[in-house]
Amino acid sequence: MALKNFAFKILNKDNFARCGIIETHRGNIRTPAFMPVGTQATVKACRIEDIKKTGSDIILSNTYHLMIRPGVERIQSAGGLHEFMNCDLPILTDSGGFQVMSLSKLNKIDREKGAIFNSHVDGKKFYLSPEESIRIQLGLNSDIVMIMDECPKNTSDYELIRKSMELSLHWAERSKKAFGKNPHKALFGIVQGGLFKDLRLKSLEELMKIGFDGYALGGLAVGESQDEMFKVLDDIKSDLPSEKPHYLMGVGTPSDILGAVKRGIDMFDCVLPTRSGRTGLAFTWGGRVNIKNNKYQNDNSPLDPECDNLNLNKYSKNYLNHLFNTNEILASMLLTLHNINFYQELMNAIRENIVNGTFDDFHNKYINKL
């Protein structure tokens, strides 16, 4: 049976907000989509079967972490990342550039060699070039591959951001060449340029000349304010190619997502729902709940009485509070799953409101509440 080619179709629009389908040979991805983060070939504290039951259509895994542990060769010996982690959903892998910057205390950037860094685990030296990043991702056999880029820290230094953006463009060309042609996979370019409109537009223009299957915005969610992030999206939303998916990397809170969808974004990923779930913070339609707070010790109501998925409403705030305050593993499992389920409820509601032409009203109702 022939594999289905990667494709993207827009089904409905409500101003800049878009509802569509990304087609892959492993299944369709409804957009706007939120990708739970499975950094080290696992969405922490969750079984992949339960992730699927939340309505998640795709997950993200991390090239940097997987190249260090367990190594691409070990994953290849299992048949690839899907087989290794028993996941039949599409998988997007990021290039590793962000983690090189954020995790490695000892790193050096070389235009030709790429990122030279010491592992945050054991100090071992690694070289991550654009070609090596693509080789690893193809070895993992992910469905959406990201180019190698440099992700600079949040700064107002124009020259630093300009040089970083130009380096990322050089690496983008090399990434495209290393990827070659594979209609069953997608290669996404990453727009850099910090908070500077002219640099963002220049980056996008040059990436479009190279030609990619989708376009991501990187270098955000690195300490800038939400207003600053939204301004970057406003500056570029009319120039992003309408026929390609738009991916905002590393974002974010429910209100971040609502504001970004309003500005034409189709794909999101963030560790927030899973990391927050492990530390006792729940996302609900009524706002955030810190379940470790003493006021929930005698509250026998569920986090969300309307949620009957995965029997999540069978567990009271009283019980969840007890689990967290006694460091029980089940606490992380239940709240992580609750948060992922909430994020997918949010994405489903966003898609429905775009289809119905009511997204602006939905956005205005929840942008501050969430």
Protein backbone atom coordinates (compact mmCIF):
# COMPACT_ATOMS: atom_id res chain seq x y z
CA MET A 1 0.00 0.00 0.00
CA ALA A 2 1.42 3.36 -1.05
CA LEU A 3 2.19 5.83 1.73
CA LYS A 4 0.12 9.01 1.81
CA ASN A 5 2.04 12.18 0.96
CA PHE A 6 2.33 15.03 3.43
CA ALA A 7 -0.30 17.69 2.69
CA PHE A 8 -2.09 20.62 4.31
CA LYS A 9 -5.64 21.78 3.62
CA ILE A 10 -7.46 24.79 5.05
CA LEU A 11 -11.10 23.94 5.71
CA ASN A 12 -12.39 27.14 7.29
CA LYS A 13 -11.18 30.66 8.10
CA ASP A 14 -12.42 33.30 10.52
CA ASN A 15 -10.36 36.40 9.75
CA PHE A 16 -6.75 35.19 10.30
CA ALA A 17 -7.80 32.17 12.39
CA ARG A 18 -7.65 28.97 10.33
CA CYS A 19 -9.06 25.48 10.75
CA GLY A 20 -7.52 22.74 8.64
CA ILE A 21 -6.07 19.26 8.26
CA ILE A 22 -2.45 18.17 7.99
CA GLU A 23 -2.36 14.82 6.22
CA THR A 24 0.41 12.34 7.01
CA HIS A 25 0.73 8.66 6.28
CA ARG A 26 0.38 7.99 10.02
CA GLY A 27 -2.89 9.90 10.31
CA ASN A 28 -4.47 13.32 10.01
CA ILE A 29 -3.74 16.23 12.34
CA ARG A 30 -6.60 18.64 12.99
CA THR A 31 -5.46 22.25 13.16
CA PRO A 32 -5.12 24.38 15.17
CA ALA A 33 -3.27 21.57 16.95
CA PHE A 34 -1.52 21.28 20.29
CA MET A 35 1.34 18.77 20.47
CA PRO A 36 2.04 17.22 23.88
CA VAL A 37 5.78 17.15 24.47
CA GLY A 38 7.39 13.72 24.68
CA THR A 39 10.92 14.99 25.24
CA GLN A 40 12.71 11.69 25.83
CA ALA A 41 10.39 9.39 23.87
CA THR A 42 7.73 9.67 26.55
CA VAL A 43 5.10 12.18 27.56
CA LYS A 44 6.04 12.16 31.23
CA ALA A 45 3.62 10.32 33.54
CA CYS A 46 1.30 9.29 30.67
CA ARG A 47 0.75 6.21 28.56
CA ILE A 48 0.52 6.86 24.84
CA GLU A 49 -2.87 5.11 24.81
CA ASP A 50 -4.24 7.75 27.19
CA ILE A 51 -2.63 10.59 25.22
CA LYS A 52 -4.58 9.38 22.18
CA LYS A 53 -7.82 9.29 24.18
CA THR A 54 -7.45 12.99 24.99
CA GLY A 55 -7.81 13.73 21.27
CA SER A 56 -4.13 14.45 20.66
CA ASP A 57 -3.30 13.92 16.96
CA ILE A 58 0.49 14.40 17.14
CA ILE A 59 3.27 14.57 19.73
CA LEU A 60 6.70 16.19 19.79
CA SER A 61 10.01 14.58 20.71
CA ASN A 62 13.41 16.13 21.21
CA THR A 63 16.45 15.53 19.02
CA TYR A 64 18.96 16.87 21.57
CA HIS A 65 17.81 14.60 24.40
CA LEU A 66 17.43 11.52 22.23
CA MET A 67 20.86 11.88 20.62
CA ILE A 68 22.39 11.93 24.12
CA ARG A 69 20.20 9.22 25.64
CA PRO A 70 19.65 6.54 24.39
CA GLY A 71 21.25 7.54 21.04
CA VAL A 72 19.78 7.34 17.56
CA GLU A 73 21.37 3.97 16.78
CA ARG A 74 19.59 2.31 19.69
CA ILE A 75 16.26 3.77 18.57
CA GLN A 76 16.93 2.72 14.97
CA SER A 77 17.55 -0.85 16.18
CA ALA A 78 13.95 -0.88 17.43
CA GLY A 79 12.69 0.25 14.01
CA GLY A 80 12.49 3.97 14.71
CA LEU A 81 10.97 6.27 17.31
CA HIS A 82 7.36 5.15 16.77
CA GLU A 83 8.22 1.52 17.39
CA PHE A 84 10.59 2.37 20.24
CA MET A 85 7.89 4.19 22.22
CA ASN A 86 4.89 2.25 20.89
CA CYS A 87 3.32 5.33 19.31
CA ASP A 88 1.32 5.23 16.09
CA LEU A 89 0.59 8.98 16.11
CA PRO A 90 2.58 11.34 13.87
CA ILE A 91 5.69 12.69 15.60
CA LEU A 92 7.44 16.03 15.10
CA THR A 93 11.07 16.26 16.17
CA ASP A 94 12.74 19.56 16.89
CA SER A 95 16.30 20.13 15.72
CA GLY A 96 18.05 20.38 19.09
CA GLY A 97 19.21 23.95 18.65
CA PHE A 98 17.12 25.38 21.48
CA GLN A 99 18.37 22.81 24.00
CA VAL A 100 21.98 23.45 23.02
CA MET A 101 21.46 27.07 24.05
CA SER A 102 19.34 26.48 27.15
CA LEU A 103 20.90 23.36 28.71
CA SER A 104 24.56 23.32 27.85
CA LYS A 105 26.74 25.63 29.92
CA LEU A 106 29.64 25.00 27.60
CA ASN A 107 28.76 25.59 23.97
CA LYS A 108 30.29 27.21 20.95
CA ILE A 109 28.73 28.09 17.63
CA ASP A 110 30.74 27.53 14.48
CA ARG A 111 29.24 28.56 11.13
CA GLU A 112 30.50 25.42 9.39
CA LYS A 113 30.72 22.84 12.20
CA GLY A 114 27.44 23.84 13.84
CA ALA A 115 26.95 23.72 17.60
CA ILE A 116 29.82 22.33 19.63
CA PHE A 117 28.68 21.57 23.16
CA ASN A 118 29.10 19.42 26.23
CA SER A 119 26.29 17.11 27.28
CA HIS A 120 24.33 18.30 30.30
CA VAL A 121 24.32 14.66 31.46
CA ASP A 122 27.98 13.62 31.51
CA GLY A 123 29.96 16.44 29.89
CA LYS A 124 30.72 14.47 26.72
CA LYS A 125 31.50 16.68 23.73
CA PHE A 126 29.06 16.67 20.80
CA TYR A 127 29.03 18.31 17.38
CA LEU A 128 25.57 19.12 16.05
CA SER A 129 25.71 20.44 12.49
CA PRO A 130 22.64 21.02 10.30
CA GLU A 131 23.48 17.81 8.44
CA GLU A 132 23.87 15.82 11.66
CA SER A 133 20.58 17.15 13.06
CA ILE A 134 18.75 16.06 9.91
CA ARG A 135 20.55 12.69 9.91
CA ILE A 136 19.44 12.06 13.48
CA GLN A 137 15.84 13.08 12.80
CA LEU A 138 15.66 10.89 9.71
CA GLY A 139 17.14 8.08 11.80
CA LEU A 140 14.40 8.61 14.38
CA ASN A 141 11.98 8.40 11.42
CA SER A 142 9.82 11.30 12.61
CA ASP A 143 7.09 12.62 10.34
CA ILE A 144 7.82 16.35 10.62
CA VAL A 145 11.48 17.37 10.74
CA MET A 146 12.74 20.78 11.85
CA ILE A 147 15.74 22.55 10.35
CA MET A 148 18.77 23.29 12.51
CA ASP A 149 18.73 26.89 13.69
CA GLU A 150 20.33 29.04 16.34
CA CYS A 151 17.90 30.15 18.99
CA PRO A 152 19.38 33.22 20.70
CA LYS A 153 18.28 34.37 24.13
CA ASN A 154 15.87 37.27 24.42
CA THR A 155 17.83 40.46 23.76
CA SER A 156 17.41 43.94 22.35
CA ASP A 157 20.83 43.72 20.67
CA TYR A 158 19.91 44.17 17.00
CA GLU A 159 23.30 43.18 15.60
CA LEU A 160 23.43 40.00 17.66
CA ILE A 161 19.95 38.98 16.46
CA ARG A 162 20.78 39.88 12.86
CA LYS A 163 23.92 37.75 12.82
CA SER A 164 22.07 34.88 14.48
CA MET A 165 19.25 35.11 11.93
CA GLU A 166 21.71 35.07 9.03
CA LEU A 167 23.48 32.04 10.51
CA SER A 168 20.12 30.26 10.81
CA LEU A 169 19.44 30.98 7.13
CA HIS A 170 22.80 29.46 6.19
CA TRP A 171 21.95 26.39 8.25
CA ALA A 172 18.46 26.30 6.70
CA GLU A 173 19.93 25.85 3.22
CA ARG A 174 22.18 23.08 4.46
CA SER A 175 19.29 21.41 6.30
CA LYS A 176 17.18 21.43 3.14
CA LYS A 177 20.00 19.87 1.12
CA ALA A 178 20.61 17.19 3.77
CA PHE A 179 16.90 16.37 3.96
CA GLY A 180 16.62 15.78 0.22
CA LYS A 181 13.21 14.88 -1.17
CA ASN A 182 10.70 12.74 0.70
CA PRO A 183 7.02 13.43 -0.02
CA HIS A 184 5.98 11.28 2.95
CA LYS A 185 7.76 13.55 5.44
CA ALA A 186 7.78 17.31 5.97
CA LEU A 187 10.67 19.70 6.59
CA PHE A 188 9.77 22.95 8.35
CA GLY A 189 11.79 26.15 8.18
CA ILE A 190 12.17 28.30 11.30
CA VAL A 191 11.75 32.09 11.13
CA GLN A 192 14.13 33.94 13.45
CA GLY A 193 14.73 37.65 14.04
CA GLY A 194 13.87 38.29 17.67
CA LEU A 195 11.44 41.17 18.25
CA PHE A 196 12.57 43.04 15.11
CA LYS A 197 9.99 43.22 12.32
CA ASP A 198 12.48 43.78 9.50
CA LEU A 199 14.61 40.80 10.56
CA ARG A 200 11.58 38.53 10.89
CA LEU A 201 10.35 39.48 7.42
CA LYS A 202 13.83 39.07 5.93
CA SER A 203 14.14 35.63 7.52
CA LEU A 204 10.74 34.57 6.19
CA GLU A 205 11.47 35.91 2.70
CA GLU A 206 14.72 33.98 2.43
CA LEU A 207 13.21 30.78 3.86
CA MET A 208 10.40 30.94 1.31
CA LYS A 209 13.01 31.16 -1.46
CA ILE A 210 14.55 27.92 -0.17
CA GLY A 211 11.10 26.35 0.10
CA PHE A 212 9.73 24.35 3.02
CA ASP A 213 6.64 22.28 3.81
CA GLY A 214 5.75 24.48 6.78
CA TYR A 215 7.01 27.58 8.54
CA ALA A 216 7.70 27.85 12.26
CA LEU A 217 8.40 30.91 14.36
CA GLY A 218 11.29 30.33 16.73
CA GLY A 219 13.03 32.52 19.26
CA LEU A 220 9.82 33.30 21.16
CA ALA A 221 8.70 32.07 24.59
CA VAL A 222 12.22 32.99 25.76
CA GLY A 223 11.31 35.71 28.22
CA GLU A 224 9.48 38.31 26.14
CA SER A 225 6.05 39.55 27.23
CA GLN A 226 2.86 38.22 25.70
CA ASP A 227 2.25 41.63 24.07
CA GLU A 228 5.71 41.51 22.50
CA MET A 229 5.06 38.01 21.18
CA PHE A 230 1.70 39.03 19.74
CA LYS A 231 3.32 42.05 18.06
CA VAL A 232 5.81 39.73 16.31
CA LEU A 233 2.86 37.66 15.05
CA ASP A 234 0.94 40.76 13.97
CA ASP A 235 4.00 41.97 12.04
CA ILE A 236 4.31 38.75 10.06
CA LYS A 237 0.80 37.24 9.84
CA SER A 238 0.00 38.75 6.43
CA ASP A 239 3.27 37.51 4.92
CA LEU A 240 3.23 33.88 6.07
CA PRO A 241 2.39 31.62 3.09
CA SER A 242 -1.29 30.81 3.46
CA GLU A 243 -1.02 27.37 1.86
CA LYS A 244 1.50 26.10 4.44
CA PRO A 245 1.13 25.28 8.17
CA HIS A 246 2.28 27.94 10.64
CA TYR A 247 3.90 26.65 13.84
CA LEU A 248 4.67 28.74 16.94
CA MET A 249 7.39 26.85 18.79
CA GLY A 250 7.34 26.39 22.57
CA VAL A 251 4.01 28.17 23.16
CA GLY A 252 2.29 28.18 25.51
CA THR A 253 -0.41 29.15 27.99
CA PRO A 254 -4.08 28.83 26.97
CA SER A 255 -4.29 32.60 26.47
CA ASP A 256 -1.07 32.53 24.39
CA ILE A 257 -2.69 29.93 22.16
CA LEU A 258 -5.93 31.87 21.78
CA GLY A 259 -4.06 35.04 20.82
CA ALA A 260 -1.78 33.21 18.40
CA VAL A 261 -4.65 31.40 16.66
CA LYS A 262 -6.26 34.81 16.17
CA ARG A 263 -3.05 35.76 14.35
CA GLY A 264 -2.94 32.78 11.99
CA ILE A 265 -1.01 30.08 13.91
CA ASP A 266 -1.89 26.42 13.29
CA MET A 267 0.45 24.41 15.53
CA PHE A 268 1.70 24.65 19.11
CA ASP A 269 3.83 22.71 21.58
CA CYS A 270 4.71 23.41 25.19
CA VAL A 271 5.80 21.53 28.31
CA LEU A 272 3.46 23.68 30.42
CA PRO A 273 0.50 21.28 30.77
CA THR A 274 2.69 18.31 31.61
CA ARG A 275 5.23 20.10 33.80
CA SER A 276 2.46 21.96 35.63
CA GLY A 277 0.59 18.71 36.12
CA ARG A 278 3.59 17.20 37.88
CA THR A 279 3.81 20.15 40.25
CA GLY A 280 0.14 20.46 41.17
CA LEU A 281 -1.13 23.18 38.82
CA ALA A 282 -4.29 22.33 36.90
CA PHE A 283 -5.77 24.17 33.90
CA THR A 284 -9.56 24.40 33.84
CA TRP A 285 -12.23 26.39 32.00
CA GLY A 286 -12.59 28.45 35.18
CA GLY A 287 -8.88 29.27 35.31
CA ARG A 288 -5.84 27.78 37.03
CA VAL A 289 -6.10 25.66 40.18
CA ASN A 290 -3.17 25.01 42.53
CA ILE A 291 -4.41 21.71 43.91
CA LYS A 292 -1.83 21.69 46.73
CA ASN A 293 -3.57 24.66 48.34
CA ASN A 294 -5.03 23.85 51.77
CA LYS A 295 -8.47 25.13 50.78
CA TYR A 296 -9.01 21.97 48.70
CA GLN A 297 -8.54 19.58 51.65
CA ASN A 298 -12.29 19.29 52.17
CA ASP A 299 -13.45 19.98 48.60
CA ASN A 300 -14.99 16.76 47.30
CA SER A 301 -15.90 18.20 43.89
CA PRO A 302 -13.91 17.21 40.78
CA LEU A 303 -11.59 19.60 38.95
CA ASP A 304 -14.06 19.66 36.09
CA PRO A 305 -17.50 18.10 36.68
CA GLU A 306 -18.26 18.38 32.93
CA CYS A 307 -15.29 16.20 31.91
CA ASP A 308 -16.23 12.54 31.61
CA ASN A 309 -13.24 11.59 29.47
CA LEU A 310 -10.93 8.95 30.99
CA ASN A 311 -13.03 9.11 34.20
CA LEU A 312 -11.04 12.18 35.21
CA ASN A 313 -14.06 13.62 37.04
CA LYS A 314 -14.07 10.63 39.42
CA TYR A 315 -11.20 12.14 41.44
CA SER A 316 -12.01 14.92 43.89
CA LYS A 317 -9.91 17.98 44.65
CA ASN A 318 -9.70 16.64 48.22
CA TYR A 319 -8.16 13.38 46.98
CA LEU A 320 -5.80 15.07 44.50
CA ASN A 321 -4.64 17.44 47.24
CA HIS A 322 -3.88 14.39 49.42
CA LEU A 323 -1.94 12.67 46.62
CA PHE A 324 0.26 15.69 46.01
CA ASN A 325 0.91 16.39 49.65
CA THR A 326 2.01 12.78 50.18
CA ASN A 327 4.15 12.71 47.01
CA GLU A 328 2.20 9.86 45.44
CA ILE A 329 3.08 9.04 41.82
CA LEU A 330 -0.62 8.88 40.90
CA ALA A 331 -0.84 12.64 41.56
CA SER A 332 1.43 13.44 38.61
CA MET A 333 -0.30 10.90 36.39
CA LEU A 334 -3.83 12.19 37.00
CA LEU A 335 -3.09 15.92 36.82
CA THR A 336 -0.84 15.60 33.77
CA LEU A 337 -3.56 13.70 31.94
CA HIS A 338 -6.17 16.23 33.10
CA ASN A 339 -4.10 19.11 31.72
CA ILE A 340 -3.45 17.48 28.36
CA ASN A 341 -7.14 16.65 28.11
CA PHE A 342 -8.03 20.27 28.91
CA TYR A 343 -5.63 21.57 26.25
CA GLN A 344 -7.25 19.27 23.68
CA GLU A 345 -10.72 20.41 24.78
CA LEU A 346 -9.50 23.97 24.21
CA MET A 347 -8.19 23.13 20.72
CA ASN A 348 -11.43 21.37 19.82
CA ALA A 349 -13.45 24.39 20.98
CA ILE A 350 -11.17 26.71 18.99
CA ARG A 351 -11.70 24.63 15.84
CA GLU A 352 -15.47 24.54 16.33
CA ASN A 353 -15.66 28.30 16.80
CA ILE A 354 -13.58 28.94 13.68
CA VAL A 355 -15.93 26.70 11.69
CA ASN A 356 -18.94 28.53 13.13
CA GLY A 357 -17.47 31.98 12.52
CA THR A 358 -17.60 32.79 16.24
CA PHE A 359 -13.90 32.61 17.10
CA ASP A 360 -13.52 36.29 17.98
CA ASP A 361 -16.33 36.04 20.56
CA PHE A 362 -14.78 32.86 21.98
CA HIS A 363 -11.35 34.51 22.09
CA ASN A 364 -12.71 37.58 23.88
CA LYS A 365 -14.58 35.45 26.44
CA TYR A 366 -11.58 33.33 27.46
CA ILE A 367 -8.38 35.28 26.63
CA ASN A 368 -8.13 36.71 30.17
CA LYS A 369 -10.09 34.04 32.04
CA LEU A 370 -7.63 31.30 31.04
